[in-house]
Amino acid sequence: MMKREDILRYPRLDTVLMVEDFIKEHDGDFKKRKLWESLPKKMMYQTFCVVIDYLIYSRKVSIDSEGKIGWIYYPEIARKYYERTDLGRRK
């Protein structure tokens, strides 16, 4: 995670949404640098790192053992499993 005082540029909302959509579309296909190079709009690498750190912190993406970034935020599916009574869960 980046320190707040190290960040020179904060991303705009449309930039964060663009990265989110791109990761959803290419789930698990790219490592961090290749993902940055493949984005539809160019941005500074530091800004991209801030977006990735935010997405990891908010538990929307994860990085596997190979370093590939994948989308893991599926609230509809989680809600469906949560509502099932045949699946036991601890309280």
N, C-alpha and C. Protein backbone atom coordinates (compact mmCIF):
# COMPACT_ATOMS: atom_id res chain seq x y z
N MET A 1 0.84 -1.18 0.00
CA MET A 1 0.00 0.00 0.00
C MET A 1 0.88 1.25 0.00
N MET A 2 0.44 2.24 -0.74
CA MET A 2 1.18 3.49 -0.82
C MET A 2 0.84 4.37 0.38
N LYS A 3 1.81 5.14 0.80
CA LYS A 3 1.56 6.10 1.86
C LYS A 3 0.88 7.32 1.26
N ARG A 4 0.05 7.94 2.04
CA ARG A 4 -0.72 9.08 1.55
C ARG A 4 0.17 10.22 1.07
N GLU A 5 1.29 10.45 1.75
CA GLU A 5 2.16 11.56 1.35
C GLU A 5 2.99 11.24 0.10
N ASP A 6 3.04 9.96 -0.31
CA ASP A 6 3.78 9.58 -1.52
C ASP A 6 2.96 9.75 -2.80
N ILE A 7 1.67 9.96 -2.67
CA ILE A 7 0.79 10.02 -3.84
C ILE A 7 0.79 11.44 -4.40
N LEU A 8 1.20 11.55 -5.67
CA LEU A 8 1.23 12.86 -6.32
C LEU A 8 -0.09 13.17 -7.02
N ARG A 9 -0.72 12.14 -7.59
CA ARG A 9 -1.96 12.34 -8.33
C ARG A 9 -2.98 11.31 -7.88
N TYR A 10 -4.17 11.79 -7.55
CA TYR A 10 -5.26 10.90 -7.21
C TYR A 10 -6.10 10.67 -8.46
N PRO A 11 -6.58 9.45 -8.66
CA PRO A 11 -7.36 9.16 -9.87
C PRO A 11 -8.76 9.75 -9.78
N ARG A 12 -9.31 10.09 -10.94
CA ARG A 12 -10.70 10.54 -11.02
C ARG A 12 -11.59 9.30 -11.03
N LEU A 13 -12.87 9.51 -10.76
CA LEU A 13 -13.81 8.40 -10.70
C LEU A 13 -13.90 7.66 -12.03
N ASP A 14 -13.91 8.38 -13.15
CA ASP A 14 -14.01 7.71 -14.44
C ASP A 14 -12.79 6.84 -14.72
N THR A 15 -11.64 7.22 -14.18
CA THR A 15 -10.43 6.41 -14.34
C THR A 15 -10.54 5.12 -13.54
N VAL A 16 -11.03 5.21 -12.31
CA VAL A 16 -11.21 4.02 -11.48
C VAL A 16 -12.21 3.07 -12.13
N LEU A 17 -13.31 3.61 -12.63
CA LEU A 17 -14.33 2.78 -13.29
C LEU A 17 -13.80 2.13 -14.56
N MET A 18 -12.96 2.85 -15.31
CA MET A 18 -12.37 2.28 -16.51
C MET A 18 -11.50 1.08 -16.16
N VAL A 19 -10.68 1.21 -15.12
CA VAL A 19 -9.81 0.11 -14.70
C VAL A 19 -10.64 -1.05 -14.19
N GLU A 20 -11.68 -0.77 -13.41
CA GLU A 20 -12.58 -1.83 -12.92
C GLU A 20 -13.19 -2.60 -14.08
N ASP A 21 -13.76 -1.89 -15.05
CA ASP A 21 -14.39 -2.54 -16.19
C ASP A 21 -13.40 -3.37 -16.99
N PHE A 22 -12.19 -2.85 -17.17
CA PHE A 22 -11.18 -3.57 -17.92
C PHE A 22 -10.77 -4.86 -17.19
N ILE A 23 -10.64 -4.79 -15.87
CA ILE A 23 -10.27 -5.98 -15.11
C ILE A 23 -11.41 -7.01 -15.15
N LYS A 24 -12.66 -6.55 -15.04
CA LYS A 24 -13.80 -7.47 -15.14
C LYS A 24 -13.80 -8.19 -16.48
N GLU A 25 -13.52 -7.43 -17.53
CA GLU A 25 -13.54 -7.97 -18.89
C GLU A 25 -12.40 -8.96 -19.13
N HIS A 26 -11.24 -8.70 -18.55
CA HIS A 26 -10.05 -9.52 -18.76
C HIS A 26 -9.61 -10.17 -17.45
N ASP A 27 -10.53 -10.84 -16.80
CA ASP A 27 -10.34 -11.41 -15.47
C ASP A 27 -9.21 -12.44 -15.46
N GLY A 28 -8.12 -12.11 -14.78
CA GLY A 28 -7.02 -13.05 -14.62
C GLY A 28 -6.11 -13.21 -15.82
N ASP A 29 -6.20 -12.32 -16.79
CA ASP A 29 -5.39 -12.45 -18.01
C ASP A 29 -4.04 -11.74 -17.91
N PHE A 30 -3.95 -10.68 -17.11
CA PHE A 30 -2.77 -9.83 -17.13
C PHE A 30 -2.12 -9.71 -15.75
N LYS A 31 -0.81 -9.53 -15.78
CA LYS A 31 -0.10 -9.10 -14.58
C LYS A 31 -0.20 -7.58 -14.52
N LYS A 32 0.27 -7.00 -13.44
CA LYS A 32 0.06 -5.58 -13.18
C LYS A 32 0.60 -4.68 -14.30
N ARG A 33 1.82 -4.86 -14.68
CA ARG A 33 2.42 -3.97 -15.70
C ARG A 33 1.76 -4.15 -17.06
N LYS A 34 1.50 -5.40 -17.45
CA LYS A 34 0.87 -5.66 -18.74
C LYS A 34 -0.56 -5.12 -18.77
N LEU A 35 -1.25 -5.19 -17.62
CA LEU A 35 -2.59 -4.63 -17.52
C LEU A 35 -2.54 -3.12 -17.75
N TRP A 36 -1.58 -2.46 -17.12
CA TRP A 36 -1.42 -1.01 -17.28
C TRP A 36 -1.15 -0.65 -18.74
N GLU A 37 -0.32 -1.43 -19.40
CA GLU A 37 0.01 -1.15 -20.81
C GLU A 37 -1.17 -1.42 -21.74
N SER A 38 -2.12 -2.26 -21.33
CA SER A 38 -3.24 -2.65 -22.19
C SER A 38 -4.50 -1.84 -21.98
N LEU A 39 -4.50 -0.92 -21.04
CA LEU A 39 -5.70 -0.12 -20.77
C LEU A 39 -6.10 0.70 -21.99
N PRO A 40 -7.41 0.95 -22.17
CA PRO A 40 -7.86 1.73 -23.33
C PRO A 40 -7.38 3.18 -23.32
N LYS A 41 -7.25 3.79 -22.13
CA LYS A 41 -6.72 5.14 -22.01
C LYS A 41 -5.43 5.08 -21.21
N LYS A 42 -4.47 5.86 -21.59
CA LYS A 42 -3.19 5.88 -20.88
C LYS A 42 -3.29 6.72 -19.62
N MET A 43 -2.51 6.32 -18.62
CA MET A 43 -2.42 7.08 -17.38
C MET A 43 -1.05 6.86 -16.80
N MET A 44 -0.69 7.70 -15.85
CA MET A 44 0.60 7.54 -15.19
C MET A 44 0.59 6.24 -14.39
N TYR A 45 1.75 5.58 -14.33
CA TYR A 45 1.83 4.31 -13.62
C TYR A 45 1.54 4.48 -12.14
N GLN A 46 1.96 5.59 -11.55
CA GLN A 46 1.69 5.81 -10.13
C GLN A 46 0.19 5.94 -9.87
N THR A 47 -0.53 6.61 -10.75
CA THR A 47 -1.98 6.72 -10.62
C THR A 47 -2.62 5.35 -10.74
N PHE A 48 -2.14 4.54 -11.68
CA PHE A 48 -2.63 3.18 -11.84
C PHE A 48 -2.39 2.36 -10.58
N CYS A 49 -1.24 2.52 -9.96
CA CYS A 49 -0.93 1.79 -8.73
C CYS A 49 -1.87 2.20 -7.60
N VAL A 50 -2.24 3.47 -7.54
CA VAL A 50 -3.19 3.93 -6.53
C VAL A 50 -4.55 3.25 -6.76
N VAL A 51 -4.99 3.15 -8.00
CA VAL A 51 -6.25 2.49 -8.32
C VAL A 51 -6.20 1.02 -7.92
N ILE A 52 -5.12 0.33 -8.26
CA ILE A 52 -4.99 -1.10 -7.92
C ILE A 52 -4.96 -1.28 -6.41
N ASP A 53 -4.23 -0.43 -5.70
CA ASP A 53 -4.21 -0.52 -4.23
C ASP A 53 -5.60 -0.33 -3.65
N TYR A 54 -6.36 0.62 -4.20
CA TYR A 54 -7.73 0.84 -3.73
C TYR A 54 -8.59 -0.40 -3.99
N LEU A 55 -8.48 -0.98 -5.18
CA LEU A 55 -9.30 -2.15 -5.51
C LEU A 55 -8.94 -3.36 -4.65
N ILE A 56 -7.67 -3.51 -4.32
CA ILE A 56 -7.26 -4.59 -3.42
C ILE A 56 -7.79 -4.33 -2.02
N TYR A 57 -7.66 -3.09 -1.55
CA TYR A 57 -8.12 -2.72 -0.21
C TYR A 57 -9.63 -2.91 -0.06
N SER A 58 -10.38 -2.59 -1.11
CA SER A 58 -11.84 -2.73 -1.07
C SER A 58 -12.30 -4.14 -1.41
N ARG A 59 -11.37 -5.04 -1.60
CA ARG A 59 -11.63 -6.47 -1.87
C ARG A 59 -12.45 -6.70 -3.13
N LYS A 60 -12.12 -5.95 -4.16
CA LYS A 60 -12.76 -6.15 -5.46
C LYS A 60 -11.87 -6.95 -6.40
N VAL A 61 -10.55 -6.87 -6.20
CA VAL A 61 -9.62 -7.64 -7.01
C VAL A 61 -8.65 -8.37 -6.08
N SER A 62 -8.03 -9.38 -6.66
CA SER A 62 -6.97 -10.09 -5.93
C SER A 62 -5.85 -10.40 -6.91
N ILE A 63 -4.70 -10.72 -6.36
CA ILE A 63 -3.54 -11.09 -7.18
C ILE A 63 -3.20 -12.52 -6.83
N ASP A 64 -3.13 -13.38 -7.84
CA ASP A 64 -2.84 -14.79 -7.59
C ASP A 64 -1.34 -15.03 -7.44
N SER A 65 -0.95 -16.28 -7.28
CA SER A 65 0.45 -16.62 -7.05
C SER A 65 1.34 -16.32 -8.25
N GLU A 66 0.76 -16.22 -9.44
CA GLU A 66 1.53 -15.88 -10.64
C GLU A 66 1.64 -14.37 -10.84
N GLY A 67 0.92 -13.60 -10.03
CA GLY A 67 0.94 -12.15 -10.16
C GLY A 67 -0.15 -11.59 -11.04
N LYS A 68 -1.08 -12.43 -11.48
CA LYS A 68 -2.17 -11.98 -12.34
C LYS A 68 -3.30 -11.42 -11.49
N ILE A 69 -3.94 -10.37 -12.00
CA ILE A 69 -4.98 -9.66 -11.28
C ILE A 69 -6.34 -10.17 -11.74
N GLY A 70 -7.18 -10.53 -10.77
CA GLY A 70 -8.50 -11.06 -11.08
C GLY A 70 -9.59 -10.35 -10.31
N TRP A 71 -10.77 -10.30 -10.89
CA TRP A 71 -11.93 -9.67 -10.26
C TRP A 71 -12.58 -10.68 -9.33
N ILE A 72 -12.84 -10.30 -8.08
CA ILE A 72 -13.43 -11.22 -7.11
C ILE A 72 -14.69 -10.68 -6.46
N TYR A 73 -15.18 -9.54 -6.88
CA TYR A 73 -16.34 -8.89 -6.24
C TYR A 73 -17.61 -9.27 -6.99
N TYR A 74 -18.35 -10.21 -6.43
CA TYR A 74 -19.61 -10.66 -7.01
C TYR A 74 -20.68 -10.65 -5.92
N PRO A 75 -21.27 -9.50 -5.58
CA PRO A 75 -22.21 -9.43 -4.46
C PRO A 75 -23.50 -10.21 -4.70
N GLU A 76 -23.96 -10.31 -5.96
CA GLU A 76 -25.20 -11.04 -6.24
C GLU A 76 -25.04 -12.52 -5.93
N ILE A 77 -23.94 -13.09 -6.32
CA ILE A 77 -23.69 -14.51 -6.07
C ILE A 77 -23.52 -14.76 -4.57
N ALA A 78 -22.80 -13.88 -3.89
CA ALA A 78 -22.62 -14.03 -2.45
C ALA A 78 -23.95 -13.94 -1.72
N ARG A 79 -24.81 -13.02 -2.13
CA ARG A 79 -26.12 -12.88 -1.51
C ARG A 79 -26.96 -14.13 -1.72
N LYS A 80 -26.87 -14.72 -2.91
CA LYS A 80 -27.62 -15.94 -3.21
C LYS A 80 -27.19 -17.07 -2.29
N TYR A 81 -25.89 -17.24 -2.10
CA TYR A 81 -25.40 -18.29 -1.21
C TYR A 81 -25.71 -18.00 0.25
N TYR A 82 -25.71 -16.73 0.62
CA TYR A 82 -25.99 -16.35 2.00
C TYR A 82 -27.44 -16.67 2.38
N GLU A 83 -28.35 -16.54 1.41
CA GLU A 83 -29.77 -16.78 1.67
C GLU A 83 -30.13 -18.26 1.72
N ARG A 84 -29.27 -19.13 1.24
CA ARG A 84 -29.56 -20.57 1.27
C ARG A 84 -29.47 -21.10 2.69
N THR A 85 -30.52 -21.79 3.11
CA THR A 85 -30.56 -22.31 4.48
C THR A 85 -29.87 -23.66 4.59
N ASP A 86 -29.70 -24.37 3.47
CA ASP A 86 -29.06 -25.68 3.53
C ASP A 86 -27.54 -25.57 3.71
N LEU A 87 -26.99 -24.39 3.52
CA LEU A 87 -25.58 -24.16 3.76
C LEU A 87 -25.40 -23.65 5.19
N GLY A 88 -24.68 -24.38 5.98
CA GLY A 88 -24.50 -23.97 7.36
C GLY A 88 -23.44 -22.87 7.49
N ARG A 89 -23.65 -22.00 8.42
CA ARG A 89 -22.66 -20.96 8.70
C ARG A 89 -22.67 -20.67 10.18
N ARG A 90 -21.56 -20.23 10.65
CA ARG A 90 -21.41 -19.93 12.06
C ARG A 90 -21.85 -18.50 12.32
N LYS A 91 -22.41 -18.30 13.48
CA LYS A 91 -22.85 -16.94 13.82
C LYS A 91 -21.94 -16.31 14.83
